[in-house]
Amino acid sequence: MIGLPAGQLEEWRAACQREIEILTKRHVFDMVVRPSGCRVIKNRWVFDVKPDGRKRARLVAKGFSQVEGKDFDQIFSPVLRFETVHLILALASLEGWYLSSLDVRNAYLYGELEEEIYMEQPEGFHARGKERHVLWLRRALYGLKQAGLAWWRALKKSMEELGFIHLDSDAGLFKCFDEASQTFIIAVVYVDDAIFLGPSKAAVEIMKKRFMKRWESRDLGELKEFLHMCIGRAGQSIYIDQAQYLQAVLQRCGMVNAKAVPTPLPVGYAPVKSLNKAADPELRKRYQTIIGSLLYLMLGTRPDISFAVTKMAQFATNPMEDHLSHALYICHYLVAPPTIDSNMMVRLVKDSMCVQTWTGPPT
């Protein structure tokens, strides 16, 4: 923040102050005298500018300094599978179900901690006269290793109180039978993003409002976007695409104006392992970033790059320049305009149980 104009500094400070107020309102921490012999983790501010120009500051704990067995025990948190999202969208298309979405504001702050964790006061916001005090974390904070699990436990308990049960096959999928409409309502939850759907629009909206009374949420109305997938509806068909996310990936890789190629990998290409025992940290970081983005596209709407991406992902721990160039080759393939057989758009057709690839909504 050093060197910024005074006006911008004040805007960012106001954003930090709003974050502190939210944490205080949620009773995320208590300020206490530092107990003798206790471990204290650090934190940092993470800044972001939203698409509408709003400045957002988030206080994040440095969870990498936590010690297993002392600061946390279990950390695994169930998450929704992409296959489940595709199946639910196909079902909604086939049955003509109503879909509505929302996102929970500051979801992780609802999770209650079972461990006793102390954290330093945030930089620039030390309490006057209590500069040596520490924050005793009562609820989960972004960055903590167990934050995701703590939110999941709070969500699961809340959904059960609303009458939902989660499926054993996918813990992010909940179902509830509504007595008034005599229909099932399904909730699809991925961390803080949720979809409520069912054959009765009234029943879905009532259940969503009941959920929003328990959690401070932003009502997004009819489903338009989920997991970086844009979702549109035309008649009895649902269309999904990741065009915006793809453009962001190509821009990040410097491939926006790259020349298109017809296949995800060159014909006959067989990657080999690196002979170097130690990986180049910078090369590995860039390679893993590209492969991670491609995996997200593959799972979302681009199954045509599945073989190429999973093959190149095998070398993510110790990549060579050759591996990096062929990971970027996949980006060359994605630059090409979509075709009938490989594209960024999926059409879910009501009168067919199959999922068809499609170039886009009808014009």
Protein backbone atom coordinates (compact mmCIF):
# COMPACT_ATOMS: atom_id res chain seq x y z
CA MET A 1 0.00 0.00 0.00
CA ILE A 2 3.04 2.25 0.33
CA GLY A 3 3.15 4.86 -2.41
CA LEU A 4 -0.56 4.91 -3.15
CA PRO A 5 -2.40 8.24 -3.28
CA ALA A 6 -3.98 9.34 -0.02
CA GLY A 7 -7.49 8.84 -1.39
CA GLN A 8 -6.85 5.20 -2.31
CA LEU A 9 -5.14 4.53 1.00
CA GLU A 10 -8.24 5.77 2.78
CA GLU A 11 -10.49 3.55 0.64
CA TRP A 12 -8.42 0.46 1.43
CA ARG A 13 -8.34 1.35 5.12
CA ALA A 14 -12.12 1.65 5.08
CA ALA A 15 -12.31 -1.80 3.44
CA CYS A 16 -10.14 -3.22 6.23
CA GLN A 17 -12.34 -1.54 8.83
CA ARG A 18 -15.45 -3.13 7.30
CA GLU A 19 -13.78 -6.53 7.54
CA ILE A 20 -12.94 -5.97 11.21
CA GLU A 21 -16.53 -4.95 11.88
CA ILE A 22 -17.84 -8.12 10.22
CA LEU A 23 -15.49 -10.29 12.29
CA THR A 24 -16.55 -8.50 15.47
CA LYS A 25 -20.25 -8.83 14.60
CA ARG A 26 -19.85 -12.57 14.05
CA HIS A 27 -17.92 -12.91 17.32
CA VAL A 28 -15.06 -14.56 15.46
CA PHE A 29 -12.56 -13.71 18.20
CA ASP A 30 -12.10 -12.38 21.71
CA MET A 31 -9.20 -10.10 22.58
CA VAL A 32 -7.32 -11.55 25.57
CA VAL A 33 -4.02 -11.27 27.38
CA ARG A 34 -1.59 -13.68 25.77
CA PRO A 35 -1.54 -16.90 27.83
CA SER A 36 1.87 -18.00 28.99
CA GLY A 37 3.51 -20.53 26.67
CA CYS A 38 0.78 -20.49 24.01
CA ARG A 39 1.53 -20.55 20.27
CA VAL A 40 0.29 -17.54 18.31
CA ILE A 41 -0.19 -17.71 14.55
CA LYS A 42 0.21 -14.73 12.26
CA ASN A 43 -2.15 -13.26 9.68
CA ARG A 44 -2.14 -11.02 6.64
CA TRP A 45 -4.46 -8.77 4.67
CA VAL A 46 -5.57 -9.92 1.22
CA PHE A 47 -6.91 -7.20 -1.06
CA ASP A 48 -9.16 -7.51 -4.09
CA VAL A 49 -11.10 -5.22 -6.42
CA LYS A 50 -14.52 -6.58 -7.37
CA PRO A 51 -15.85 -6.35 -10.97
CA ASP A 52 -18.10 -3.46 -9.93
CA GLY A 53 -15.12 -1.51 -8.56
CA ARG A 54 -15.69 -2.25 -4.88
CA LYS A 55 -12.55 -2.67 -2.82
CA ARG A 56 -12.51 -5.77 -0.62
CA ALA A 57 -10.08 -6.55 2.19
CA ARG A 58 -10.00 -9.95 3.88
CA LEU A 59 -8.11 -10.95 6.99
CA VAL A 60 -6.51 -14.35 6.39
CA ALA A 61 -4.77 -16.51 8.97
CA LYS A 62 -1.39 -17.98 8.05
CA GLY A 63 -2.57 -21.54 8.42
CA PHE A 64 0.69 -23.00 7.14
CA SER A 65 2.18 -22.27 10.58
CA GLN A 66 -0.38 -24.46 12.35
CA VAL A 67 0.90 -27.66 13.93
CA GLU A 68 -1.02 -30.91 13.49
CA GLY A 69 -2.18 -32.37 16.80
CA LYS A 70 -2.00 -28.99 18.52
CA ASP A 71 -3.79 -26.49 16.30
CA PHE A 72 -5.90 -28.96 14.32
CA ASP A 73 -6.81 -32.63 14.02
CA GLN A 74 -9.07 -33.31 11.03
CA ILE A 75 -9.13 -30.93 8.08
CA PHE A 76 -10.88 -32.84 5.27
CA SER A 77 -14.09 -31.15 4.15
CA PRO A 78 -16.47 -32.81 1.65
CA VAL A 79 -17.03 -30.84 -1.55
CA LEU A 80 -19.46 -31.20 -4.41
CA ARG A 81 -18.40 -33.14 -7.51
CA PHE A 82 -18.70 -31.62 -10.98
CA GLU A 83 -20.42 -34.79 -12.18
CA THR A 84 -23.18 -34.16 -9.64
CA VAL A 85 -23.69 -30.61 -10.93
CA HIS A 86 -23.99 -31.91 -14.51
CA LEU A 87 -26.45 -34.59 -13.42
CA ILE A 88 -28.62 -32.12 -11.50
CA LEU A 89 -28.71 -29.69 -14.43
CA ALA A 90 -29.63 -32.54 -16.78
CA LEU A 91 -32.41 -33.63 -14.40
CA ALA A 92 -33.72 -30.06 -14.14
CA SER A 93 -33.77 -29.82 -17.93
CA LEU A 94 -35.51 -33.16 -18.39
CA GLU A 95 -38.15 -32.45 -15.75
CA GLY A 96 -38.52 -28.69 -16.31
CA TRP A 97 -37.56 -27.89 -12.72
CA TYR A 98 -37.12 -24.39 -11.34
CA LEU A 99 -33.57 -23.43 -10.27
CA SER A 100 -32.64 -20.60 -7.91
CA SER A 101 -29.25 -19.68 -6.43
CA LEU A 102 -27.64 -17.78 -3.58
CA ASP A 103 -24.27 -17.34 -1.94
CA VAL A 104 -23.55 -17.20 1.78
CA ARG A 105 -21.66 -14.10 2.88
CA ASN A 106 -18.42 -14.87 4.73
CA ALA A 107 -19.40 -18.52 5.07
CA TYR A 108 -16.28 -19.71 6.90
CA LEU A 109 -16.90 -17.28 9.74
CA TYR A 110 -19.89 -19.39 10.84
CA GLY A 111 -17.81 -22.47 11.63
CA GLU A 112 -17.15 -23.01 15.35
CA LEU A 113 -13.64 -24.10 16.31
CA GLU A 114 -13.05 -27.06 18.59
CA GLU A 115 -9.36 -26.22 19.09
CA GLU A 116 -7.91 -23.36 21.15
CA ILE A 117 -6.17 -21.09 18.65
CA TYR A 118 -4.59 -17.69 19.25
CA MET A 119 -3.70 -15.18 16.55
CA GLU A 120 -1.89 -11.84 16.42
CA GLN A 121 -3.88 -8.64 15.99
CA PRO A 122 -4.12 -7.56 12.33
CA GLU A 123 -1.47 -5.19 11.03
CA GLY A 124 -2.54 -1.57 11.28
CA PHE A 125 -5.43 -2.32 13.65
CA HIS A 126 -3.86 -2.92 17.05
CA ALA A 127 -6.20 -1.91 19.88
CA ARG A 128 -4.96 1.19 21.65
CA GLY A 129 -3.59 0.31 25.06
CA LYS A 130 -3.79 -3.44 24.28
CA GLU A 131 -1.03 -3.74 21.70
CA ARG A 132 0.37 -6.90 23.32
CA HIS A 133 -3.01 -8.67 23.52
CA VAL A 134 -3.84 -11.54 21.12
CA LEU A 135 -7.03 -12.75 19.45
CA TRP A 136 -8.58 -15.95 20.77
CA LEU A 137 -10.35 -17.41 17.73
CA ARG A 138 -13.83 -18.65 18.56
CA ARG A 139 -14.91 -19.25 14.96
CA ALA A 140 -13.10 -20.29 11.80
CA LEU A 141 -11.16 -17.71 9.85
CA TYR A 142 -10.08 -17.86 6.22
CA GLY A 143 -6.69 -19.51 5.98
CA LEU A 144 -7.06 -21.91 8.90
CA LYS A 145 -6.55 -25.52 7.90
CA GLN A 146 -9.80 -26.64 9.56
CA ALA A 147 -11.90 -23.68 8.33
CA GLY A 148 -13.57 -25.65 5.53
CA LEU A 149 -14.44 -28.56 7.81
CA ALA A 150 -15.83 -26.22 10.51
CA TRP A 151 -18.13 -24.54 7.94
CA TRP A 152 -19.24 -27.92 6.60
CA ARG A 153 -20.23 -29.10 10.07
CA ALA A 154 -22.23 -25.91 10.69
CA LEU A 155 -23.92 -26.19 7.28
CA LYS A 156 -24.78 -29.88 7.73
CA LYS A 157 -26.35 -29.21 11.12
CA SER A 158 -28.37 -26.30 9.74
CA MET A 159 -29.62 -28.28 6.72
CA GLU A 160 -30.73 -31.14 8.98
CA GLU A 161 -32.72 -28.68 11.09
CA LEU A 162 -34.43 -27.49 7.87
CA GLY A 163 -35.42 -31.08 7.08
CA PHE A 164 -32.69 -31.92 4.55
CA ILE A 165 -30.50 -34.99 4.47
CA HIS A 166 -27.29 -35.28 2.49
CA LEU A 167 -26.50 -38.13 0.15
CA ASP A 168 -23.77 -40.59 1.11
CA SER A 169 -22.53 -40.61 -2.49
CA ASP A 170 -22.02 -36.82 -2.52
CA ALA A 171 -22.08 -34.85 0.70
CA GLY A 172 -22.74 -31.60 -1.17
CA LEU A 173 -26.17 -32.78 -2.35
CA PHE A 174 -29.15 -32.42 0.00
CA LYS A 175 -32.77 -33.47 -0.46
CA CYS A 176 -35.96 -32.65 1.41
CA PHE A 177 -39.59 -33.69 0.95
CA ASP A 178 -41.98 -30.73 1.12
CA GLU A 179 -45.30 -31.79 2.62
CA ALA A 180 -47.20 -28.75 1.36
CA SER A 181 -46.40 -29.28 -2.33
CA GLN A 182 -45.84 -33.04 -2.02
CA THR A 183 -42.60 -32.66 -3.99
CA PHE A 184 -38.89 -33.06 -3.36
CA ILE A 185 -36.60 -30.04 -3.05
CA ILE A 186 -32.91 -30.48 -3.81
CA ALA A 187 -30.09 -28.27 -2.59
CA VAL A 188 -26.67 -28.32 -4.23
CA VAL A 189 -24.00 -26.67 -2.07
CA TYR A 190 -20.37 -25.98 -2.94
CA VAL A 191 -18.72 -24.17 0.00
CA ASP A 192 -20.67 -20.87 0.02
CA ASP A 193 -22.53 -21.21 -3.29
CA ALA A 194 -25.88 -22.99 -3.34
CA ILE A 195 -28.60 -23.98 -5.81
CA PHE A 196 -32.14 -24.80 -4.70
CA LEU A 197 -34.29 -26.61 -7.25
CA GLY A 198 -37.50 -28.57 -7.57
CA PRO A 199 -40.72 -28.92 -9.56
CA SER A 200 -42.55 -26.29 -7.46
CA LYS A 201 -41.19 -22.73 -7.75
CA ALA A 202 -43.15 -21.62 -4.67
CA ALA A 203 -41.79 -24.45 -2.53
CA VAL A 204 -38.23 -23.81 -3.68
CA GLU A 205 -38.46 -20.09 -2.87
CA ILE A 206 -39.98 -20.75 0.55
CA MET A 207 -37.20 -23.17 1.47
CA LYS A 208 -34.54 -20.81 0.16
CA LYS A 209 -35.93 -17.98 2.30
CA ARG A 210 -35.87 -20.26 5.35
CA PHE A 211 -32.22 -20.98 4.62
CA MET A 212 -31.44 -17.27 4.21
CA LYS A 213 -32.95 -16.52 7.62
CA ARG A 214 -30.31 -18.75 9.20
CA TRP A 215 -27.35 -17.53 7.13
CA GLU A 216 -26.65 -14.02 5.87
CA SER A 217 -26.84 -14.61 2.12
CA ARG A 218 -27.10 -12.80 -1.18
CA ASP A 219 -30.11 -13.86 -3.24
CA LEU A 220 -28.96 -14.38 -6.84
CA GLY A 221 -32.41 -15.22 -8.21
CA GLU A 222 -32.77 -17.71 -11.05
CA LEU A 223 -29.58 -19.66 -11.69
CA LYS A 224 -27.20 -17.82 -14.03
CA GLU A 225 -23.73 -18.84 -12.83
CA PHE A 226 -22.23 -21.62 -10.74
CA LEU A 227 -18.60 -22.69 -10.24
CA HIS A 228 -17.37 -20.35 -12.99
CA MET A 229 -19.92 -21.86 -15.38
CA CYS A 230 -22.38 -19.51 -17.05
CA ILE A 231 -25.79 -21.18 -17.16
CA GLY A 232 -28.56 -20.15 -19.50
CA ARG A 233 -31.98 -21.52 -20.29
CA ALA A 234 -33.83 -21.42 -23.60
CA GLY A 235 -37.17 -23.20 -23.60
CA GLN A 236 -36.61 -26.70 -22.31
CA SER A 237 -32.85 -26.71 -22.77
CA ILE A 238 -30.08 -25.64 -20.41
CA TYR A 239 -26.76 -24.32 -21.71
CA ILE A 240 -23.53 -24.16 -19.75
CA ASP A 241 -20.19 -22.66 -20.72
CA GLN A 242 -16.93 -21.45 -19.22
CA ALA A 243 -16.13 -18.91 -21.91
CA GLN A 244 -15.29 -16.13 -19.45
CA TYR A 245 -13.12 -18.41 -17.33
CA LEU A 246 -11.38 -19.72 -20.45
CA GLN A 247 -10.56 -16.18 -21.55
CA ALA A 248 -9.12 -15.46 -18.10
CA VAL A 249 -6.95 -18.60 -18.32
CA LEU A 250 -5.72 -17.73 -21.81
CA GLN A 251 -4.93 -14.19 -20.72
CA ARG A 252 -3.05 -15.45 -17.65
CA CYS A 253 -0.99 -17.75 -19.88
CA GLY A 254 -0.39 -15.06 -22.51
CA MET A 255 -2.24 -17.11 -25.13
CA VAL A 256 -5.13 -14.81 -26.09
CA ASN A 257 -3.78 -14.16 -29.61
CA ALA A 258 -2.06 -17.54 -30.00
CA LYS A 259 -2.40 -19.58 -33.17
CA ALA A 260 -5.02 -22.33 -32.96
CA VAL A 261 -4.17 -26.03 -33.42
CA PRO A 262 -6.55 -28.90 -34.29
CA THR A 263 -5.62 -31.33 -31.47
CA PRO A 264 -4.97 -30.97 -27.72
CA LEU A 265 -1.47 -32.51 -28.12
CA PRO A 266 0.74 -33.10 -31.19
CA VAL A 267 0.14 -36.44 -32.86
CA GLY A 268 2.57 -39.06 -31.54
CA TYR A 269 3.85 -36.94 -28.66
CA ALA A 270 5.00 -39.06 -25.68
CA PRO A 271 6.23 -37.02 -22.66
CA VAL A 272 9.14 -38.36 -20.61
CA LYS A 273 10.17 -37.74 -17.01
CA SER A 274 12.75 -35.15 -16.11
CA LEU A 275 16.24 -36.46 -15.33
CA ASN A 276 16.83 -33.64 -12.85
CA LYS A 277 16.26 -34.68 -9.25
CA ALA A 278 15.47 -31.14 -8.10
CA ALA A 279 12.65 -29.21 -9.77
CA ASP A 280 12.93 -25.57 -10.80
CA PRO A 281 10.59 -23.81 -8.30
CA GLU A 282 9.54 -21.07 -10.73
CA LEU A 283 8.94 -23.51 -13.58
CA ARG A 284 6.99 -25.86 -11.31
CA LYS A 285 4.83 -23.05 -9.97
CA ARG A 286 3.91 -21.81 -13.45
CA TYR A 287 3.33 -25.34 -14.76
CA GLN A 288 1.07 -26.31 -11.86
CA THR A 289 -0.93 -23.10 -12.26
CA ILE A 290 -1.58 -23.85 -15.94
CA ILE A 291 -2.42 -27.52 -15.32
CA GLY A 292 -4.74 -26.62 -12.43
CA SER A 293 -6.67 -24.17 -14.62
CA LEU A 294 -6.91 -26.73 -17.43
CA LEU A 295 -8.18 -29.38 -15.00
CA TYR A 296 -10.96 -27.01 -13.92
CA LEU A 297 -11.98 -26.46 -17.55
CA MET A 298 -11.81 -30.20 -18.22
CA LEU A 299 -14.12 -31.03 -15.32
CA GLY A 300 -16.53 -28.21 -16.09
CA THR A 301 -17.25 -28.19 -19.81
CA ARG A 302 -14.26 -29.46 -21.81
CA PRO A 303 -14.06 -33.27 -21.61
CA ASP A 304 -12.31 -33.22 -25.00
CA ILE A 305 -9.03 -32.22 -23.32
CA SER A 306 -9.26 -34.89 -20.59
CA PHE A 307 -6.55 -37.22 -21.93
CA ALA A 308 -4.10 -34.41 -22.68
CA VAL A 309 -4.52 -32.65 -19.34
CA THR A 310 -4.38 -35.78 -17.15
CA LYS A 311 -1.33 -36.98 -19.09
CA MET A 312 0.55 -33.72 -18.60
CA ALA A 313 -0.56 -33.54 -14.95
CA GLN A 314 1.61 -36.61 -14.26
CA PHE A 315 4.70 -34.38 -14.50
CA ALA A 316 3.52 -31.56 -12.23
CA THR A 317 6.00 -32.28 -9.43
CA ASN A 318 9.12 -31.97 -11.60
CA PRO A 319 8.28 -30.48 -15.01
CA MET A 320 10.68 -29.63 -17.82
CA GLU A 321 10.45 -26.83 -20.36
CA ASP A 322 9.16 -29.43 -22.83
CA HIS A 323 6.26 -30.22 -20.50
CA LEU A 324 5.46 -26.51 -20.12
CA SER A 325 5.46 -25.94 -23.86
CA HIS A 326 3.01 -28.82 -24.37
CA ALA A 327 0.78 -27.63 -21.55
CA LEU A 328 0.62 -24.35 -23.43
CA TYR A 329 -0.07 -26.38 -26.59
CA ILE A 330 -3.36 -27.39 -24.99
CA CYS A 331 -4.11 -23.67 -24.65
CA HIS A 332 -3.43 -23.32 -28.40
CA TYR A 333 -6.13 -25.95 -28.94
CA LEU A 334 -8.57 -24.08 -26.70
CA VAL A 335 -8.04 -20.91 -28.72
CA ALA A 336 -9.71 -22.59 -31.71
CA PRO A 337 -13.42 -21.80 -32.24
CA PRO A 338 -15.61 -24.56 -30.81
CA THR A 339 -16.91 -27.23 -33.15
CA ILE A 340 -19.90 -29.55 -32.96
CA ASP A 341 -17.75 -32.27 -31.39
CA SER A 342 -15.53 -30.21 -29.06
CA ASN A 343 -16.60 -26.91 -27.61
CA MET A 344 -17.16 -24.84 -24.52
CA MET A 345 -20.93 -25.23 -24.49
CA VAL A 346 -23.04 -28.16 -23.33
CA ARG A 347 -26.68 -28.55 -24.21
CA LEU A 348 -28.88 -30.55 -21.89
CA VAL A 349 -31.92 -31.63 -23.90
CA LYS A 350 -35.24 -32.34 -22.23
CA ASP A 351 -36.36 -35.06 -24.65
CA SER A 352 -33.09 -37.03 -24.42
CA MET A 353 -31.22 -38.70 -21.58
CA CYS A 354 -27.87 -37.97 -23.24
CA VAL A 355 -25.74 -34.88 -22.78
CA GLN A 356 -24.98 -33.34 -26.17
CA THR A 357 -22.21 -30.93 -27.03
CA TRP A 358 -23.35 -27.78 -28.78
CA THR A 359 -21.83 -24.58 -30.12
CA GLY A 360 -24.22 -22.31 -28.25
CA PRO A 361 -27.80 -21.27 -27.70
CA PRO A 362 -29.98 -20.92 -30.77
CA THR A 363 -29.99 -17.46 -32.32
